[in-house]
Protein backbone atom coordinates (compact mmCIF):
# COMPACT_ATOMS: atom_id res chain seq x y z
CA MET A 1 51.40 152.13 129.02
CA ASN A 2 53.68 155.12 129.22
CA LYS A 3 56.85 155.77 127.26
CA SER A 4 59.27 154.65 129.99
CA THR A 5 57.52 151.28 130.32
CA ILE A 6 57.84 150.65 126.59
CA TRP A 7 61.53 151.57 126.69
CA SER A 8 62.03 149.31 129.71
CA VAL A 9 60.43 146.36 127.90
CA LEU A 10 62.45 147.02 124.74
CA GLY A 11 65.62 147.38 126.82
CA GLY A 12 64.92 144.06 128.54
CA ILE A 13 64.36 142.31 125.22
CA LEU A 14 67.53 143.85 123.82
CA ALA A 15 69.48 142.78 126.92
CA VAL A 16 68.28 139.19 126.51
CA ILE A 17 69.25 139.17 122.81
CA ILE A 18 72.72 140.58 123.54
CA ALA A 19 73.24 138.14 126.43
CA TRP A 20 72.16 135.21 124.22
CA TRP A 21 74.68 136.25 121.54
CA LEU A 22 77.49 136.73 124.09
CA VAL A 23 76.85 133.31 125.65
CA ASN A 24 76.95 131.70 122.20
CA VAL A 25 80.26 133.41 121.44
CA LEU A 26 81.67 132.40 124.84
CA PHE A 27 80.68 128.75 124.38
CA SER A 28 82.14 128.74 120.86
CA VAL A 29 85.45 130.07 122.17
CA LEU A 30 85.47 127.58 125.05
CA ALA A 31 84.71 124.70 122.66
CA PHE A 32 87.54 125.82 120.39
CA VAL A 33 90.00 126.03 123.31
CA PHE A 34 88.92 122.60 124.57
CA LYS A 35 89.37 121.07 121.10
CA LEU A 36 92.77 122.72 120.84
CA LEU A 37 93.85 121.22 124.17
CA VAL A 38 92.64 117.76 123.18
CA VAL A 39 94.47 117.99 119.85
CA ALA A 40 97.65 119.07 121.64
CA VAL A 41 97.48 116.15 124.08
CA VAL A 42 96.79 113.63 121.31
CA ALA A 43 99.61 115.09 119.19
CA VAL A 44 102.08 114.72 122.07
CA ILE A 45 101.00 111.10 122.64
CA VAL A 46 101.30 110.28 118.93
CA PHE A 47 104.70 111.99 118.77
CA PHE A 48 106.07 109.87 121.62
CA VAL A 49 104.58 106.68 120.17
CA ILE A 50 106.16 107.35 116.77
CA ARG A 51 109.46 108.30 118.42
CA SER A 52 109.50 105.11 120.47
CA LEU A 53 108.71 103.01 117.39
CA PHE A 54 111.59 104.50 115.42
CA SER A 55 114.04 104.37 118.33
CA SER A 56 113.26 100.70 119.01
CA ARG A 57 113.97 99.79 115.37
CA ARG A 58 117.36 101.52 115.49
CA GLY A 59 118.38 99.92 118.75
């Protein structure tokens, strides 16, 4: 095995490790954004339910 082959193998391993880390970060960010959207939708629904409950008691 010559020197360039060893560096190619090490570069490939390093590329896989970096790609694995980047995919984990990407999925973490996407999961956070999805949770944030779900929380926002649920908060809007709860807000309108509470508002309708209080407005029906006044009227």
